[in-house]
Amino acid sequence: EEDSTNSFVCLLKKMKEMRVMEKVVEETEEAFTGRMGALAEHWRDLHARRAQLKAHVVTSGTTVKENERLRTQALKKAKEERVENSKKESELLRARRELESLREQHQKLSKKLLKYSLFKRYLEDVVENSQFRDVEDIITYYKALVRTRKDLLQSQWGNRQLLQQGKVLQQRIRAQNEADILQCRNVLVQLKGSLEQAQRDIQQWEHRWAEVQDRATRKATELKSLTMAIHSLFQ
């Protein structure tokens, strides 16, 4: 009985320990299940965050590319605007210089106009006391005179040029004639020398011809004598 009691007590202890262990196991399983659920929820959050981050990266990349394109366009436009502004500043500076030059010319013309106003009054007096109708008529007549004088000067200049060319040509012809005359004189001297030599040669040949004729006469006489001698011998 004691052994049975002890066994029963041990069994109760073991059953109690088993229930404790089962409870611990249940608590552990519940904790593990809760932890696994928390982990699953954490993984789902991580996947969601990863998807959001990936979408954000894609969106950010597109935005960066767009911003870079807009930045490039802005820089290009700013460069074009600087070039255009530089051109406009150059044109403005040139226009200011031209304006300043025109102002100086205007001042000079104004001074000349003031200076020549006396001549205008003089021309008006001339119109009143002459056959000209107005100042423009006088200016036209003056321009015609200037053109006529210019044509006359050109004609005189042309005549002087022709005269100068004639003188040069005359000098050339004279020099050529003198050269030809000198050459003819030299040829004449040579011909005179040749003529004298020919005359001397003629005299020499005439003398030789006379000698030849005399010799021929003697030969003919000798031949005749020889013929008569032969004839006499033949007889």
C-alpha atoms as a PDB file:
ATOM      1  CA  GLU A   1       0.000   0.000   0.000  1.00  0.00           C
ATOM      2  CA  GLU A   2       2.812   2.330   0.881  1.00  0.00           C
ATOM      3  CA  ASP A   3       4.317   1.565  -2.487  1.00  0.00           C
ATOM      4  CA  SER A   4       0.945   2.145  -4.143  1.00  0.00           C
ATOM      5  CA  THR A   5       0.548   5.335  -2.193  1.00  0.00           C
ATOM      6  CA  ASN A   6       3.970   6.455  -3.122  1.00  0.00           C
ATOM      7  CA  SER A   7       3.313   5.502  -6.706  1.00  0.00           C
ATOM      8  CA  PHE A   8       0.027   7.358  -6.675  1.00  0.00           C
ATOM      9  CA  VAL A   9       1.712  10.387  -5.124  1.00  0.00           C
ATOM     10  CA  CYS A  10       4.434  10.172  -7.711  1.00  0.00           C
ATOM     11  CA  LEU A  11       1.793   9.840 -10.386  1.00  0.00           C
ATOM     12  CA  LEU A  12      -0.036  12.861  -9.047  1.00  0.00           C
ATOM     13  CA  LYS A  13       3.242  14.751  -8.976  1.00  0.00           C
ATOM     14  CA  LYS A  14       4.018  13.626 -12.496  1.00  0.00           C
ATOM     15  CA  MET A  15       0.495  14.540 -13.648  1.00  0.00           C
ATOM     16  CA  LYS A  16       0.860  17.890 -11.934  1.00  0.00           C
ATOM     17  CA  GLU A  17       4.247  18.419 -13.576  1.00  0.00           C
ATOM     18  CA  MET A  18       2.731  17.298 -16.874  1.00  0.00           C
ATOM     19  CA  ARG A  19      -0.078  19.804 -16.586  1.00  0.00           C
ATOM     20  CA  VAL A  20       2.474  22.449 -15.672  1.00  0.00           C
ATOM     21  CA  MET A  21       4.556  21.412 -18.631  1.00  0.00           C
ATOM     22  CA  GLU A  22       1.508  21.362 -20.895  1.00  0.00           C
ATOM     23  CA  LYS A  23       0.594  24.802 -19.662  1.00  0.00           C
ATOM     24  CA  VAL A  24       4.137  25.978 -20.267  1.00  0.00           C
ATOM     25  CA  VAL A  25       4.043  24.351 -23.685  1.00  0.00           C
ATOM     26  CA  GLU A  26       0.695  25.977 -24.436  1.00  0.00           C
ATOM     27  CA  GLU A  27       2.004  29.326 -23.235  1.00  0.00           C
ATOM     28  CA  THR A  28       5.157  28.748 -25.247  1.00  0.00           C
ATOM     29  CA  GLU A  29       3.113  27.802 -28.319  1.00  0.00           C
ATOM     30  CA  GLU A  30       0.900  30.821 -27.830  1.00  0.00           C
ATOM     31  CA  ALA A  31       3.941  33.029 -27.444  1.00  0.00           C
ATOM     32  CA  PHE A  32       5.543  31.382 -30.468  1.00  0.00           C
ATOM     33  CA  THR A  33       2.334  31.779 -32.464  1.00  0.00           C
ATOM     34  CA  GLY A  34       2.092  35.399 -31.414  1.00  0.00           C
ATOM     35  CA  ARG A  35       5.719  35.922 -32.229  1.00  0.00           C
ATOM     36  CA  MET A  36       5.276  34.215 -35.595  1.00  0.00           C
ATOM     37  CA  GLY A  37       2.231  36.427 -36.260  1.00  0.00           C
ATOM     38  CA  ALA A  38       4.255  39.480 -35.274  1.00  0.00           C
ATOM     39  CA  LEU A  39       7.069  38.283 -37.509  1.00  0.00           C
ATOM     40  CA  ALA A  40       4.616  37.679 -40.365  1.00  0.00           C
ATOM     41  CA  GLU A  41       3.141  41.113 -39.805  1.00  0.00           C
ATOM     42  CA  HIS A  42       6.667  42.540 -39.720  1.00  0.00           C
ATOM     43  CA  TRP A  43       7.536  40.746 -42.961  1.00  0.00           C
ATOM     44  CA  ARG A  44       4.351  42.036 -44.561  1.00  0.00           C
ATOM     45  CA  ASP A  45       5.328  45.535 -43.418  1.00  0.00           C
ATOM     46  CA  LEU A  46       8.825  44.999 -44.766  1.00  0.00           C
ATOM     47  CA  HIS A  47       7.464  43.820 -48.142  1.00  0.00           C
ATOM     48  CA  ALA A  48       5.095  46.784 -48.263  1.00  0.00           C
ATOM     49  CA  ARG A  49       7.896  49.168 -47.346  1.00  0.00           C
ATOM     50  CA  ARG A  50      10.148  47.525 -49.926  1.00  0.00           C
ATOM     51  CA  ALA A  51       7.470  47.929 -52.595  1.00  0.00           C
ATOM     52  CA  GLN A  52       6.917  51.544 -51.543  1.00  0.00           C
ATOM     53  CA  LEU A  53      10.679  52.156 -51.519  1.00  0.00           C
ATOM     54  CA  LYS A  54      11.035  50.601 -54.981  1.00  0.00           C
ATOM     55  CA  ALA A  55       8.169  52.712 -56.302  1.00  0.00           C
ATOM     56  CA  HIS A  56       9.695  55.759 -54.632  1.00  0.00           C
ATOM     57  CA  VAL A  57      13.077  54.969 -56.187  1.00  0.00           C
ATOM     58  CA  VAL A  58      11.479  54.616 -59.630  1.00  0.00           C
ATOM     59  CA  THR A  59       9.506  57.810 -59.109  1.00  0.00           C
ATOM     60  CA  SER A  60      12.570  59.566 -57.725  1.00  0.00           C
ATOM     61  CA  GLY A  61      14.675  58.385 -60.706  1.00  0.00           C
ATOM     62  CA  THR A  62      12.067  59.675 -63.130  1.00  0.00           C
ATOM     63  CA  THR A  63      11.880  62.907 -61.155  1.00  0.00           C
ATOM     64  CA  VAL A  64      15.685  63.190 -61.117  1.00  0.00           C
ATOM     65  CA  LYS A  65      15.844  62.581 -64.865  1.00  0.00           C
ATOM     66  CA  GLU A  66      13.096  65.129 -65.427  1.00  0.00           C
ATOM     67  CA  ASN A  67      14.824  67.572 -63.107  1.00  0.00           C
ATOM     68  CA  GLU A  68      18.129  66.956 -64.938  1.00  0.00           C
ATOM     69  CA  ARG A  69      16.408  67.517 -68.295  1.00  0.00           C
ATOM     70  CA  LEU A  70      14.766  70.670 -66.991  1.00  0.00           C
ATOM     71  CA  ARG A  71      18.099  71.775 -65.519  1.00  0.00           C
ATOM     72  CA  THR A  72      19.861  71.139 -68.858  1.00  0.00           C
ATOM     73  CA  GLN A  73      17.145  73.039 -70.706  1.00  0.00           C
ATOM     74  CA  ALA A  74      17.369  75.857 -68.190  1.00  0.00           C
ATOM     75  CA  LEU A  75      21.165  76.032 -68.557  1.00  0.00           C
ATOM     76  CA  LYS A  76      20.883  75.946 -72.345  1.00  0.00           C
ATOM     77  CA  LYS A  77      18.220  78.628 -72.293  1.00  0.00           C
ATOM     78  CA  ALA A  78      20.297  80.714 -69.868  1.00  0.00           C
ATOM     79  CA  LYS A  79      23.326  80.336 -72.167  1.00  0.00           C
ATOM     80  CA  GLU A  80      21.244  81.338 -75.194  1.00  0.00           C
ATOM     81  CA  GLU A  81      19.865  84.265 -73.246  1.00  0.00           C
ATOM     82  CA  ARG A  82      23.416  85.314 -72.268  1.00  0.00           C
ATOM     83  CA  VAL A  83      24.530  85.088 -75.897  1.00  0.00           C
ATOM     84  CA  GLU A  84      21.436  86.982 -77.013  1.00  0.00           C
ATOM     85  CA  ASN A  85      21.964  89.565 -74.291  1.00  0.00           C
ATOM     86  CA  SER A  86      25.611  89.897 -75.336  1.00  0.00           C
ATOM     87  CA  LYS A  87      24.512  90.419 -78.944  1.00  0.00           C
ATOM     88  CA  LYS A  88      21.911  92.918 -77.857  1.00  0.00           C
ATOM     89  CA  GLU A  89      24.488  94.730 -75.706  1.00  0.00           C
ATOM     90  CA  SER A  90      26.892  94.810 -78.674  1.00  0.00           C
ATOM     91  CA  GLU A  91      24.129  96.087 -80.939  1.00  0.00           C
ATOM     92  CA  LEU A  92      23.137  98.607 -78.301  1.00  0.00           C
ATOM     93  CA  LEU A  93      26.748  99.754 -77.949  1.00  0.00           C
ATOM     94  CA  ARG A  94      27.103 100.011 -81.733  1.00  0.00           C
ATOM     95  CA  ALA A  95      23.807 101.871 -81.917  1.00  0.00           C
ATOM     96  CA  ARG A  96      24.993 104.259 -79.202  1.00  0.00           C
ATOM     97  CA  ARG A  97      28.226 104.846 -81.107  1.00  0.00           C
ATOM     98  CA  GLU A  98      26.296 105.423 -84.322  1.00  0.00           C
ATOM     99  CA  LEU A  99      23.964 107.753 -82.473  1.00  0.00           C
ATOM    100  CA  GLU A 100      26.942 109.618 -81.037  1.00  0.00           C
ATOM    101  CA  SER A 101      28.493 109.819 -84.511  1.00  0.00           C
ATOM    102  CA  LEU A 102      25.199 111.067 -85.935  1.00  0.00           C
ATOM    103  CA  ARG A 103      24.986 113.663 -83.192  1.00  0.00           C
ATOM    104  CA  GLU A 104      28.511 114.839 -83.984  1.00  0.00           C
ATOM    105  CA  GLN A 105      27.656 114.967 -87.685  1.00  0.00           C
ATOM    106  CA  HIS A 106      24.475 116.846 -86.858  1.00  0.00           C
ATOM    107  CA  GLN A 107      26.456 119.350 -84.820  1.00  0.00           C
ATOM    108  CA  LYS A 108      28.973 119.754 -87.648  1.00  0.00           C
ATOM    109  CA  LEU A 109      26.179 120.170 -90.189  1.00  0.00           C
ATOM    110  CA  SER A 110      24.451 122.652 -87.925  1.00  0.00           C
ATOM    111  CA  LYS A 111      27.682 124.670 -87.681  1.00  0.00           C
ATOM    112  CA  LYS A 112      28.128 124.464 -91.465  1.00  0.00           C
ATOM    113  CA  LEU A 113      24.511 125.483 -91.985  1.00  0.00           C
ATOM    114  CA  LEU A 114      25.024 128.454 -89.699  1.00  0.00           C
ATOM    115  CA  LYS A 115      28.273 129.231 -91.497  1.00  0.00           C
ATOM    116  CA  TYR A 116      26.724 128.954 -94.973  1.00  0.00           C
ATOM    117  CA  SER A 117      23.517 130.838 -94.141  1.00  0.00           C
ATOM    118  CA  LEU A 118      25.291 133.946 -95.457  1.00  0.00           C
ATOM    119  CA  PHE A 119      25.694 132.279 -98.853  1.00  0.00           C
ATOM    120  CA  LYS A 120      22.037 131.327 -98.827  1.00  0.00           C
ATOM    121  CA  ARG A 121      21.055 134.971 -98.407  1.00  0.00           C
ATOM    122  CA  TYR A 122      23.553 135.861-101.122  1.00  0.00           C
ATOM    123  CA  LEU A 123      21.984 133.297-103.491  1.00  0.00           C
ATOM    124  CA  GLU A 124      18.537 134.619-102.702  1.00  0.00           C
ATOM    125  CA  ASP A 125      19.751 138.114-103.614  1.00  0.00           C
ATOM    126  CA  VAL A 126      21.188 136.701-106.841  1.00  0.00           C
ATOM    127  CA  VAL A 127      17.806 135.131-107.670  1.00  0.00           C
ATOM    128  CA  GLU A 128      16.102 138.456-107.145  1.00  0.00           C
ATOM    129  CA  ASN A 129      18.558 140.266-109.417  1.00  0.00           C
ATOM    130  CA  SER A 130      19.013 137.695-112.201  1.00  0.00           C
ATOM    131  CA  GLN A 131      17.125 135.503-114.632  1.00  0.00           C
ATOM    132  CA  PHE A 132      17.235 132.483-112.288  1.00  0.00           C
ATOM    133  CA  ARG A 133      13.904 131.396-110.877  1.00  0.00           C
ATOM    134  CA  ASP A 134      15.158 130.042-107.537  1.00  0.00           C
ATOM    135  CA  VAL A 135      18.227 128.854-105.683  1.00  0.00           C
ATOM    136  CA  GLU A 136      17.806 125.318-107.039  1.00  0.00           C
ATOM    137  CA  ASP A 137      18.054 126.743-110.555  1.00  0.00           C
ATOM    138  CA  ILE A 138      21.368 128.383-109.619  1.00  0.00           C
ATOM    139  CA  ILE A 139      22.640 125.137-108.094  1.00  0.00           C
ATOM    140  CA  THR A 140      21.607 123.196-111.219  1.00  0.00           C
ATOM    141  CA  TYR A 141      23.389 125.714-113.428  1.00  0.00           C
ATOM    142  CA  TYR A 142      26.448 125.541-111.189  1.00  0.00           C
ATOM    143  CA  LYS A 143      26.471 121.720-111.331  1.00  0.00           C
ATOM    144  CA  ALA A 144      26.226 121.910-115.130  1.00  0.00           C
ATOM    145  CA  LEU A 145      29.199 124.267-115.169  1.00  0.00           C
ATOM    146  CA  VAL A 146      31.123 121.937-112.887  1.00  0.00           C
ATOM    147  CA  ARG A 147      30.353 118.960-115.146  1.00  0.00           C
ATOM    148  CA  THR A 148      31.367 120.990-118.215  1.00  0.00           C
ATOM    149  CA  ARG A 149      34.614 122.016-116.514  1.00  0.00           C
ATOM    150  CA  LYS A 150      35.226 118.426-115.502  1.00  0.00           C
ATOM    151  CA  ASP A 151      34.605 117.233-119.065  1.00  0.00           C
ATOM    152  CA  LEU A 152      36.883 119.968-120.378  1.00  0.00           C
ATOM    153  CA  LEU A 153      39.615 119.014-117.931  1.00  0.00           C
ATOM    154  CA  GLN A 154      39.220 115.375-118.888  1.00  0.00           C
ATOM    155  CA  SER A 155      39.386 116.324-122.568  1.00  0.00           C
ATOM    156  CA  GLN A 156      42.498 118.401-121.952  1.00  0.00           C
ATOM    157  CA  TRP A 157      44.007 115.589-119.968  1.00  0.00           C
ATOM    158  CA  GLY A 158      43.166 113.199-122.810  1.00  0.00           C
ATOM    159  CA  ASN A 159      44.725 115.564-125.329  1.00  0.00           C
ATOM    160  CA  ARG A 160      47.840 115.867-123.184  1.00  0.00           C
ATOM    161  CA  GLN A 161      47.984 112.103-122.940  1.00  0.00           C
ATOM    162  CA  LEU A 162      47.630 111.781-126.731  1.00  0.00           C
ATOM    163  CA  LEU A 163      50.258 114.473-127.224  1.00  0.00           C
ATOM    164  CA  GLN A 164      52.585 112.738-124.810  1.00  0.00           C
ATOM    165  CA  GLN A 165      51.966 109.419-126.528  1.00  0.00           C
ATOM    166  CA  GLY A 166      52.594 111.121-129.915  1.00  0.00           C
ATOM    167  CA  LYS A 167      55.853 112.533-128.617  1.00  0.00           C
ATOM    168  CA  VAL A 168      56.904 109.148-127.306  1.00  0.00           C
ATOM    169  CA  LEU A 169      55.930 107.538-130.620  1.00  0.00           C
ATOM    170  CA  GLN A 170      57.765 110.260-132.547  1.00  0.00           C
ATOM    171  CA  GLN A 171      60.864 109.717-130.440  1.00  0.00           C
ATOM    172  CA  ARG A 172      60.625 105.993-131.027  1.00  0.00           C
ATOM    173  CA  ILE A 173      60.205 106.501-134.797  1.00  0.00           C
ATOM    174  CA  ARG A 174      63.075 108.979-134.820  1.00  0.00           C
ATOM    175  CA  ALA A 175      65.283 106.599-132.891  1.00  0.00           C
ATOM    176  CA  GLN A 176      64.267 103.763-135.216  1.00  0.00           C
ATOM    177  CA  ASN A 177      64.943 105.918-138.277  1.00  0.00           C
ATOM    178  CA  GLU A 178      68.309 106.950-136.896  1.00  0.00           C
ATOM    179  CA  ALA A 179      69.101 103.316-136.218  1.00  0.00           C
ATOM    180  CA  ASP A 180      67.964 102.388-139.748  1.00  0.00           C
ATOM    181  CA  ILE A 181      70.012 105.253-141.236  1.00  0.00           C
ATOM    182  CA  LEU A 182      73.055 104.177-139.254  1.00  0.00           C
ATOM    183  CA  GLN A 183      72.526 100.615-140.375  1.00  0.00           C
ATOM    184  CA  CYS A 184      72.121 101.784-144.014  1.00  0.00           C
ATOM    185  CA  ARG A 185      75.306 103.824-143.690  1.00  0.00           C
ATOM    186  CA  ASN A 186      77.138 100.814-142.374  1.00  0.00           C
ATOM    187  CA  VAL A 187      75.719  98.713-145.218  1.00  0.00           C
ATOM    188  CA  LEU A 188      76.686 101.472-147.693  1.00  0.00           C
ATOM    189  CA  VAL A 189      80.197 101.530-146.302  1.00  0.00           C
ATOM    190  CA  GLN A 190      80.347  97.777-146.638  1.00  0.00           C
ATOM    191  CA  LEU A 191      78.926  97.996-150.178  1.00  0.00           C
ATOM    192  CA  LYS A 192      81.497 100.690-151.060  1.00  0.00           C
ATOM    193  CA  GLY A 193      84.234  98.443-149.754  1.00  0.00           C
ATOM    194  CA  SER A 194      82.750  95.561-151.739  1.00  0.00           C
ATOM    195  CA  LEU A 195      82.509  97.772-154.846  1.00  0.00           C
ATOM    196  CA  GLU A 196      86.107  98.864-154.533  1.00  0.00           C
ATOM    197  CA  GLN A 197      87.154  95.271-154.034  1.00  0.00           C
ATOM    198  CA  ALA A 198      85.034  94.294-157.045  1.00  0.00           C
ATOM    199  CA  GLN A 199      86.608  97.036-159.108  1.00  0.00           C
ATOM    200  CA  ARG A 200      90.048  95.863-158.079  1.00  0.00           C
ATOM    201  CA  ASP A 201      88.995  92.317-158.890  1.00  0.00           C
ATOM    202  CA  ILE A 202      87.654  93.476-162.306  1.00  0.00           C
ATOM    203  CA  GLN A 203      90.899  95.238-163.111  1.00  0.00           C
ATOM    204  CA  GLN A 204      92.793  92.141-162.078  1.00  0.00           C
ATOM    205  CA  TRP A 205      90.558  89.903-164.148  1.00  0.00           C
ATOM    206  CA  GLU A 206      90.698  92.314-167.130  1.00  0.00           C
ATOM    207  CA  HIS A 207      94.487  92.173-166.912  1.00  0.00           C
ATOM    208  CA  ARG A 208      94.308  88.406-166.728  1.00  0.00           C
ATOM    209  CA  TRP A 209      91.839  88.362-169.635  1.00  0.00           C
ATOM    210  CA  ALA A 210      94.180  90.498-171.694  1.00  0.00           C
ATOM    211  CA  GLU A 211      97.004  88.122-170.874  1.00  0.00           C
ATOM    212  CA  VAL A 212      94.791  85.168-171.785  1.00  0.00           C
ATOM    213  CA  GLN A 213      93.818  86.830-175.092  1.00  0.00           C
ATOM    214  CA  ASP A 214      97.455  87.641-175.846  1.00  0.00           C
ATOM    215  CA  ARG A 215      98.422  84.093-175.005  1.00  0.00           C
ATOM    216  CA  ALA A 216      95.571  82.826-177.174  1.00  0.00           C
ATOM    217  CA  THR A 217      96.697  85.051-180.021  1.00  0.00           C
ATOM    218  CA  ARG A 218     100.233  83.709-179.705  1.00  0.00           C
ATOM    219  CA  LYS A 219      98.959  80.169-179.540  1.00  0.00           C
ATOM    220  CA  ALA A 220      96.757  80.809-182.586  1.00  0.00           C
ATOM    221  CA  THR A 221      99.766  82.252-184.470  1.00  0.00           C
ATOM    222  CA  GLU A 222     101.881  79.339-183.404  1.00  0.00           C
ATOM    223  CA  LEU A 223      99.122  76.947-184.383  1.00  0.00           C
ATOM    224  CA  LYS A 224      98.770  78.642-187.769  1.00  0.00           C
ATOM    225  CA  SER A 225     102.546  78.485-188.295  1.00  0.00           C
ATOM    226  CA  LEU A 226     102.540  74.878-187.210  1.00  0.00           C
ATOM    227  CA  THR A 227      99.692  74.134-189.559  1.00  0.00           C
ATOM    228  CA  MET A 228     101.463  75.791-192.456  1.00  0.00           C
ATOM    229  CA  ALA A 229     104.635  73.879-191.534  1.00  0.00           C
ATOM    230  CA  ILE A 230     102.755  70.604-191.465  1.00  0.00           C
ATOM    231  CA  HIS A 231     101.105  71.470-194.775  1.00  0.00           C
ATOM    232  CA  SER A 232     104.491  72.290-196.269  1.00  0.00           C
ATOM    233  CA  LEU A 233     105.906  69.041-194.994  1.00  0.00           C
ATOM    234  CA  PHE A 234     102.929  67.215-196.331  1.00  0.00           C
ATOM    235  CA  GLN A 235     103.414  68.817-199.704  1.00  0.00           C
END
